[in-house]
Amino acid sequence: MKFINNKLMPGGINSKIRRSFLHNCDNWRARKKIFLVLLPALVLCACGNRTIPMAYQVSNEYAAFKMFDILDEMPTARPFAADLVVVPGDYFGEVNQEMMEATGAAIFGTDDKSILYAKNIYEQLSPASLTKIMTALVALKYGIIDTFITASGNVSISEARAQTVGLERGDQLTLSQALHLSLINSANDAAIVVAEGVAGTVEEFVLLMNREARALGATNTNFMNPHGLTHENQYSTIYDMYLILNAAVKYDLFNHIISLPSYTTTYVRANGDTRELSIQNTNQYLQGSQDYPENIVIIGGKTGTTQAAGHCLAIVAKNNEGKTFLSVIMRADTRESVYDQTTELLRQIR
């Protein structure tokens, strides 16, 4: 074997070795290119036929960039929070802090994505009947509003002081009627009818509630029932309730129902008789027994009260320009104080 200046000279066996070497080098370069192209697929398929749980897909409802706009034929990612108020932490603004004794409170401007006040908005608290906002949201998204539902034995609620309208097993009413009773009068038996009418069982409906909560970004929330009666594993936050309410107000029927001071309806009892039922809204602003700033209009809202949750109140309001504001208070000491504190929040609206 002969080398000149460290180079292998052609001829005989040396020439064959050189050609083989160059051929192998070319093959390696080709294989390298193929390997680099296939590397992402190899990584994803490294475990044989195993699939990756929650693998990223544009269509996946949990994807952070799930909505795409087309600009010049190029898909552009639209951030999940593009239409939401983003709050890094507490913000007290000009609110009178001496009167804000509730554990959590906030008021959000949905049109300009502003925060006027925020206190403990990420602390997990019992939501009481604010739960029914999510119940309504799921029903409006998945239910058929005029369908008739037959009440099951689950409408018999024995918890002390639980709000009901006296529904019994075998009673028949529409989903619309049950939603009105649940949102206006906070009837817990009506919330059961809503849940079973939409999903068949309370358990399946609760699965829908939690799935929709996570899709909205309400990841500090967990539901165990559709009405809000106390359960140790049922909790939410001020911010998550804002996310849920913000989604619910996109439905005209929701806005209409929560704006009604009273409601009268007739449904069929289990024995075939009819019963006329008249209820009042639990929202004291709509009853005229609580004052609020003159520069705003109260659209409606939802009340909630249990021993574990204290007094809760979510309000939808508009200013003179028609801009929407959402306020949420959780765990206030008394009914009077929850309205006083909400009114203080509403005073921040300009």
Protein backbone atom coordinates (compact mmCIF):
# COMPACT_ATOMS: atom_id res chain seq x y z
CA MET A 1 0.00 0.00 0.00
CA LYS A 2 1.57 3.25 -1.15
CA PHE A 3 0.92 6.78 0.12
CA ILE A 4 2.22 10.06 -1.25
CA ASN A 5 1.65 13.13 0.90
CA ASN A 6 -0.73 11.07 3.04
CA LYS A 7 -2.96 10.33 0.02
CA LEU A 8 -3.97 6.84 -1.03
CA MET A 9 -2.77 6.32 -4.64
CA PRO A 10 -5.02 4.62 -7.24
CA GLY A 11 -4.22 1.23 -8.63
CA GLY A 12 -4.81 -2.41 -7.69
CA ILE A 13 -6.37 -3.24 -4.39
CA ASN A 14 -5.83 0.33 -3.17
CA SER A 15 -8.18 1.62 -5.88
CA LYS A 16 -10.88 -0.85 -4.85
CA ILE A 17 -10.58 0.14 -1.20
CA ARG A 18 -10.83 3.81 -2.15
CA ARG A 19 -13.94 3.27 -4.31
CA SER A 20 -15.58 1.26 -1.56
CA PHE A 21 -14.74 3.93 0.98
CA LEU A 22 -16.18 6.75 -1.14
CA HIS A 23 -19.28 4.70 -1.90
CA ASN A 24 -19.87 4.09 1.80
CA CYS A 25 -19.39 7.79 2.54
CA ASP A 26 -21.99 8.72 -0.06
CA ASN A 27 -24.40 6.19 1.40
CA TRP A 28 -23.83 7.58 4.88
CA ARG A 29 -24.54 11.14 3.71
CA ALA A 30 -27.77 9.97 2.12
CA ARG A 31 -28.74 8.00 5.19
CA LYS A 32 -27.98 11.02 7.39
CA LYS A 33 -30.29 13.21 5.33
CA ILE A 34 -33.08 10.65 5.54
CA PHE A 35 -32.50 10.26 9.29
CA LEU A 36 -32.76 14.00 9.91
CA VAL A 37 -35.97 14.22 7.91
CA LEU A 38 -37.52 11.29 9.76
CA LEU A 39 -36.20 12.23 13.21
CA PRO A 40 -39.41 13.94 14.45
CA ALA A 41 -41.48 10.92 13.43
CA LEU A 42 -38.96 8.55 15.00
CA VAL A 43 -39.15 10.46 18.27
CA LEU A 44 -42.95 10.34 18.29
CA CYS A 45 -42.98 6.65 17.38
CA ALA A 46 -40.07 5.60 19.56
CA CYS A 47 -42.32 3.42 21.71
CA GLY A 48 -43.65 1.28 18.90
CA ASN A 49 -47.42 1.59 18.64
CA ARG A 50 -47.80 3.63 21.82
CA THR A 51 -49.68 6.89 21.33
CA ILE A 52 -48.83 10.03 23.24
CA PRO A 53 -51.65 11.16 25.55
CA MET A 54 -52.88 14.66 24.68
CA ALA A 55 -50.52 14.89 21.67
CA TYR A 56 -50.75 18.37 20.20
CA GLN A 57 -53.40 18.87 17.54
CA VAL A 58 -54.73 22.13 16.17
CA SER A 59 -58.28 20.82 16.58
CA ASN A 60 -57.74 19.74 20.18
CA GLU A 61 -60.08 21.74 22.41
CA TYR A 62 -57.38 22.05 25.08
CA ALA A 63 -54.72 23.44 22.73
CA ALA A 64 -53.51 26.85 23.89
CA PHE A 65 -53.43 28.06 20.28
CA LYS A 66 -56.54 26.29 19.05
CA MET A 67 -57.94 29.07 16.87
CA PHE A 68 -56.23 30.10 13.66
CA ASP A 69 -56.67 33.12 11.43
CA ILE A 70 -55.60 32.93 7.79
CA LEU A 71 -53.43 35.85 6.69
CA ASP A 72 -51.94 35.75 3.20
CA GLU A 73 -52.58 31.99 3.11
CA MET A 74 -50.41 31.57 6.22
CA PRO A 75 -52.01 30.17 9.42
CA THR A 76 -51.34 32.50 12.34
CA ALA A 77 -51.74 31.33 15.92
CA ARG A 78 -54.30 33.28 17.95
CA PRO A 79 -53.49 33.25 21.69
CA PHE A 80 -55.98 31.50 23.98
CA ALA A 81 -56.35 34.63 26.15
CA ALA A 82 -56.76 37.08 23.27
CA ASP A 83 -60.33 37.96 24.33
CA LEU A 84 -59.86 37.59 28.09
CA VAL A 85 -58.87 39.87 30.95
CA VAL A 86 -55.47 38.71 32.19
CA VAL A 87 -54.75 39.53 35.84
CA PRO A 88 -51.30 38.88 37.36
CA GLY A 89 -52.46 39.35 40.96
CA ASP A 90 -54.24 41.65 43.39
CA TYR A 91 -55.21 45.11 42.15
CA PHE A 92 -57.10 47.43 44.48
CA GLY A 93 -57.42 50.60 42.37
CA GLU A 94 -59.63 53.25 43.97
CA VAL A 95 -61.92 50.84 45.83
CA ASN A 96 -62.55 51.52 49.51
CA GLN A 97 -60.58 48.65 50.99
CA GLU A 98 -62.10 49.03 54.45
CA MET A 99 -65.44 47.70 53.26
CA MET A 100 -64.13 44.85 51.09
CA GLU A 101 -64.23 42.07 53.70
CA ALA A 102 -65.16 39.23 51.32
CA THR A 103 -62.47 36.62 50.82
CA GLY A 104 -62.43 37.16 47.07
CA ALA A 105 -63.76 39.90 44.80
CA ALA A 106 -63.17 41.40 41.36
CA ILE A 107 -64.72 43.45 38.59
CA PHE A 108 -63.71 42.96 34.95
CA GLY A 109 -64.27 45.13 31.89
CA THR A 110 -64.90 42.68 29.08
CA ASP A 111 -64.79 45.16 26.19
CA ASP A 112 -61.43 46.78 26.91
CA LYS A 113 -60.02 43.74 28.81
CA SER A 114 -59.53 45.82 31.96
CA ILE A 115 -59.42 44.93 35.64
CA LEU A 116 -60.92 47.51 38.00
CA TYR A 117 -60.38 45.53 41.19
CA ALA A 118 -58.97 42.12 42.11
CA LYS A 119 -58.61 40.47 45.51
CA ASN A 120 -57.60 36.84 46.01
CA ILE A 121 -58.97 35.95 42.60
CA TYR A 122 -57.04 32.66 42.36
CA GLU A 123 -57.97 31.31 45.79
CA GLN A 124 -60.11 28.17 45.63
CA LEU A 125 -63.47 28.72 47.34
CA SER A 126 -66.84 27.03 47.50
CA PRO A 127 -68.98 28.57 44.71
CA ALA A 128 -72.43 27.76 46.15
CA SER A 129 -75.13 28.47 43.55
CA LEU A 130 -72.77 30.36 41.26
CA THR A 131 -72.33 26.78 40.10
CA LYS A 132 -75.63 27.16 38.25
CA ILE A 133 -73.96 29.56 35.79
CA MET A 134 -71.92 26.61 34.53
CA THR A 135 -75.01 24.40 34.63
CA ALA A 136 -76.79 26.87 32.37
CA LEU A 137 -73.79 27.20 30.07
CA VAL A 138 -73.57 23.43 29.54
CA ALA A 139 -77.34 23.16 29.05
CA LEU A 140 -77.39 25.94 26.45
CA LYS A 141 -74.48 24.39 24.59
CA TYR A 142 -75.62 20.76 24.59
CA GLY A 143 -79.35 20.74 25.37
CA ILE A 144 -82.50 21.19 23.27
CA ILE A 145 -84.28 24.04 24.97
CA ASP A 146 -87.88 22.94 24.26
CA THR A 147 -87.43 19.26 25.08
CA PHE A 148 -89.62 17.82 27.84
CA ILE A 149 -87.93 16.25 30.85
CA THR A 150 -89.43 13.93 33.45
CA ALA A 151 -88.09 14.58 36.94
CA SER A 152 -86.43 11.64 38.69
CA GLY A 153 -86.36 10.87 42.39
CA ASN A 154 -83.13 12.89 42.65
CA VAL A 155 -85.16 16.10 42.86
CA SER A 156 -85.98 15.20 46.47
CA ILE A 157 -83.30 17.26 48.24
CA SER A 158 -83.18 16.90 51.98
CA GLU A 159 -80.37 19.32 52.87
CA ALA A 160 -81.53 21.87 55.39
CA ARG A 161 -82.43 25.30 53.97
CA ALA A 162 -81.71 24.15 50.40
CA GLN A 163 -83.73 26.24 47.95
CA THR A 164 -86.33 24.23 45.97
CA VAL A 165 -89.59 24.85 44.13
CA GLY A 166 -91.21 21.58 45.17
CA LEU A 167 -90.62 19.41 42.10
CA GLU A 168 -91.42 15.74 42.55
CA ARG A 169 -90.62 12.46 40.81
CA GLY A 170 -92.63 12.16 37.60
CA ASP A 171 -93.24 15.89 37.10
CA GLN A 172 -92.78 17.03 33.49
CA LEU A 173 -91.36 20.36 32.36
CA THR A 174 -89.18 21.68 29.56
CA LEU A 175 -85.47 22.38 29.74
CA SER A 176 -86.33 26.06 29.31
CA GLN A 177 -88.62 25.99 32.34
CA ALA A 178 -86.04 24.17 34.45
CA LEU A 179 -83.34 26.69 33.45
CA HIS A 180 -85.58 29.61 34.41
CA LEU A 181 -86.33 28.09 37.81
CA SER A 182 -82.68 27.27 38.42
CA LEU A 183 -81.24 30.67 37.48
CA ILE A 184 -83.99 32.99 38.72
CA ASN A 185 -84.98 31.32 41.97
CA SER A 186 -81.80 29.24 42.41
CA ALA A 187 -83.95 26.10 42.70
CA ASN A 188 -81.70 23.12 43.37
CA ASP A 189 -84.32 20.57 42.32
CA ALA A 190 -84.65 22.36 38.97
CA ALA A 191 -80.87 22.16 38.48
CA ILE A 192 -81.13 18.37 38.85
CA VAL A 193 -83.81 18.32 36.15
CA VAL A 194 -81.53 20.36 33.87
CA ALA A 195 -78.62 18.00 34.39
CA GLU A 196 -80.57 14.78 33.83
CA GLY A 197 -82.45 16.26 30.89
CA VAL A 198 -79.25 17.18 29.07
CA ALA A 199 -76.92 14.29 29.93
CA GLY A 200 -79.16 11.51 31.23
CA THR A 201 -77.53 11.39 34.65
CA VAL A 202 -76.11 13.90 37.08
CA GLU A 203 -72.74 12.11 36.88
CA GLU A 204 -72.51 12.47 33.10
CA PHE A 205 -73.57 16.11 33.30
CA VAL A 206 -70.86 16.85 35.88
CA LEU A 207 -68.30 15.37 33.49
CA LEU A 208 -69.49 17.86 30.88
CA MET A 209 -69.27 20.70 33.41
CA ASN A 210 -65.66 19.91 34.22
CA ARG A 211 -64.72 19.38 30.59
CA GLU A 212 -66.17 22.75 29.62
CA ALA A 213 -64.50 24.44 32.59
CA ARG A 214 -61.08 23.21 31.48
CA ALA A 215 -61.76 24.19 27.88
CA LEU A 216 -62.44 27.75 29.13
CA GLY A 217 -59.19 27.76 31.09
CA ALA A 218 -60.93 27.40 34.46
CA THR A 219 -58.32 24.93 35.69
CA ASN A 220 -58.72 25.80 39.38
CA THR A 221 -62.33 24.64 39.33
CA ASN A 222 -63.92 21.28 40.02
CA PHE A 223 -67.62 20.45 40.05
CA MET A 224 -69.29 17.53 41.81
CA ASN A 225 -72.94 18.56 41.33
CA PRO A 226 -75.00 20.91 39.12
CA HIS A 227 -76.58 23.03 41.88
CA GLY A 228 -73.79 24.12 44.23
CA LEU A 229 -74.86 22.50 47.47
CA THR A 230 -71.80 21.93 49.62
CA HIS A 231 -69.32 19.24 48.60
CA GLU A 232 -65.72 19.20 49.81
CA ASN A 233 -64.42 18.57 46.28
CA GLN A 234 -66.50 21.30 44.63
CA TYR A 235 -64.57 24.53 44.33
CA SER A 236 -63.77 27.42 42.03
CA THR A 237 -62.09 30.83 42.07
CA ILE A 238 -63.11 34.39 41.36
CA TYR A 239 -61.15 34.33 38.10
CA ASP A 240 -62.58 30.99 36.99
CA MET A 241 -66.11 32.20 37.70
CA TYR A 242 -65.34 35.24 35.53
CA LEU A 243 -64.27 32.89 32.72
CA ILE A 244 -67.48 30.87 33.07
CA LEU A 245 -69.76 33.91 33.31
CA ASN A 246 -67.97 35.53 30.39
CA ALA A 247 -68.82 32.47 28.28
CA ALA A 248 -72.42 32.31 29.49
CA VAL A 249 -73.26 35.93 28.61
CA LYS A 250 -72.59 35.11 24.96
CA TYR A 251 -75.97 33.33 24.98
CA ASP A 252 -78.96 35.65 24.55
CA LEU A 253 -81.25 33.29 26.46
CA PHE A 254 -78.94 33.34 29.47
CA ASN A 255 -78.95 37.15 29.51
CA HIS A 256 -82.73 37.19 29.18
CA ILE A 257 -83.33 34.73 32.01
CA ILE A 258 -81.01 36.44 34.52
CA SER A 259 -82.66 39.81 33.77
CA LEU A 260 -86.18 38.69 34.83
CA PRO A 261 -87.35 39.99 38.24
CA SER A 262 -90.00 37.26 38.34
CA TYR A 263 -91.26 34.27 36.38
CA THR A 264 -94.56 32.40 36.13
CA THR A 265 -94.98 29.05 34.41
CA THR A 266 -97.19 25.96 34.35
CA TYR A 267 -96.00 22.37 34.25
CA VAL A 268 -97.57 18.90 34.45
CA ARG A 269 -97.49 17.01 37.74
CA ALA A 270 -96.85 13.27 37.95
CA ASN A 271 -100.58 12.63 38.46
CA GLY A 272 -101.50 14.53 35.29
CA ASP A 273 -102.66 17.72 36.99
CA THR A 274 -101.10 21.05 36.10
CA ARG A 275 -99.41 23.36 38.55
CA GLU A 276 -98.86 27.09 38.10
CA LEU A 277 -95.64 28.26 39.70
CA SER A 278 -94.61 31.87 40.33
CA ILE A 279 -91.13 32.76 41.58
CA GLN A 280 -89.12 35.88 42.37
CA ASN A 281 -85.53 36.53 41.40
CA THR A 282 -83.12 36.13 44.31
CA ASN A 283 -81.14 39.10 42.91
CA GLN A 284 -81.93 42.04 45.20
CA TYR A 285 -80.87 44.59 42.58
CA LEU A 286 -83.63 43.38 40.28
CA GLN A 287 -86.13 43.42 43.15
CA GLY A 288 -85.39 47.09 43.74
CA SER A 289 -84.34 46.54 47.35
CA GLN A 290 -80.67 47.39 46.72
CA ASP A 291 -79.40 50.64 45.21
CA TYR A 292 -76.64 50.80 42.61
CA PRO A 293 -74.85 53.62 40.72
CA GLU A 294 -77.03 55.63 38.34
CA ASN A 295 -74.51 55.50 35.50
CA ILE A 296 -74.93 51.76 34.98
CA VAL A 297 -77.63 49.25 34.09
CA ILE A 298 -77.83 45.93 35.93
CA ILE A 299 -78.50 43.21 33.36
CA GLY A 300 -78.76 40.47 35.97
CA GLY A 301 -76.61 37.92 37.72
CA LYS A 302 -76.57 34.96 40.07
CA THR A 303 -76.66 34.68 43.83
CA GLY A 304 -75.24 31.89 45.96
CA THR A 305 -75.37 31.13 49.66
CA THR A 306 -74.31 28.15 51.75
CA GLN A 307 -72.69 27.83 55.15
CA ALA A 308 -69.41 26.77 53.53
CA ALA A 309 -69.44 29.41 50.79
CA GLY A 310 -70.85 32.35 52.71
CA HIS A 311 -72.62 34.84 50.47
CA CYS A 312 -71.65 34.98 46.78
CA LEU A 313 -72.84 37.27 44.01
CA ALA A 314 -72.03 37.53 40.30
CA ILE A 315 -73.36 40.55 38.41
CA VAL A 316 -73.53 41.53 34.72
CA ALA A 317 -73.74 45.30 34.19
CA LYS A 318 -73.36 47.84 31.39
CA ASN A 319 -72.30 51.48 31.44
CA ASN A 320 -73.84 54.34 29.48
CA GLU A 321 -71.73 53.43 26.45
CA GLY A 322 -73.03 49.88 26.43
CA LYS A 323 -69.77 48.32 27.61
CA THR A 324 -70.11 45.17 29.68
CA PHE A 325 -68.66 44.61 33.15
CA LEU A 326 -68.67 41.43 35.20
CA SER A 327 -68.30 41.49 38.98
CA VAL A 328 -67.85 38.43 41.21
CA ILE A 329 -67.73 38.25 45.01
CA MET A 330 -67.25 35.03 46.98
CA ARG A 331 -67.45 34.31 50.69
CA ALA A 332 -68.90 37.54 52.08
CA ASP A 333 -70.17 37.49 55.66
CA THR A 334 -73.77 38.57 55.10
CA ARG A 335 -76.27 39.18 52.32
CA GLU A 336 -76.23 42.90 53.10
CA SER A 337 -72.45 43.06 52.89
CA VAL A 338 -72.20 41.17 49.60
CA TYR A 339 -74.45 43.80 47.99
CA ASP A 340 -72.64 46.71 49.66
CA GLN A 341 -69.32 45.38 48.37
CA THR A 342 -70.72 44.74 44.88
CA THR A 343 -72.06 48.29 44.77
CA GLU A 344 -68.60 49.57 45.70
CA LEU A 345 -67.17 47.60 42.78
CA LEU A 346 -69.85 48.94 40.42
CA ARG A 347 -68.88 52.51 41.42
CA GLN A 348 -65.57 51.95 39.64
CA ILE A 349 -67.35 51.74 36.27
CA ARG A 350 -66.95 54.87 34.18
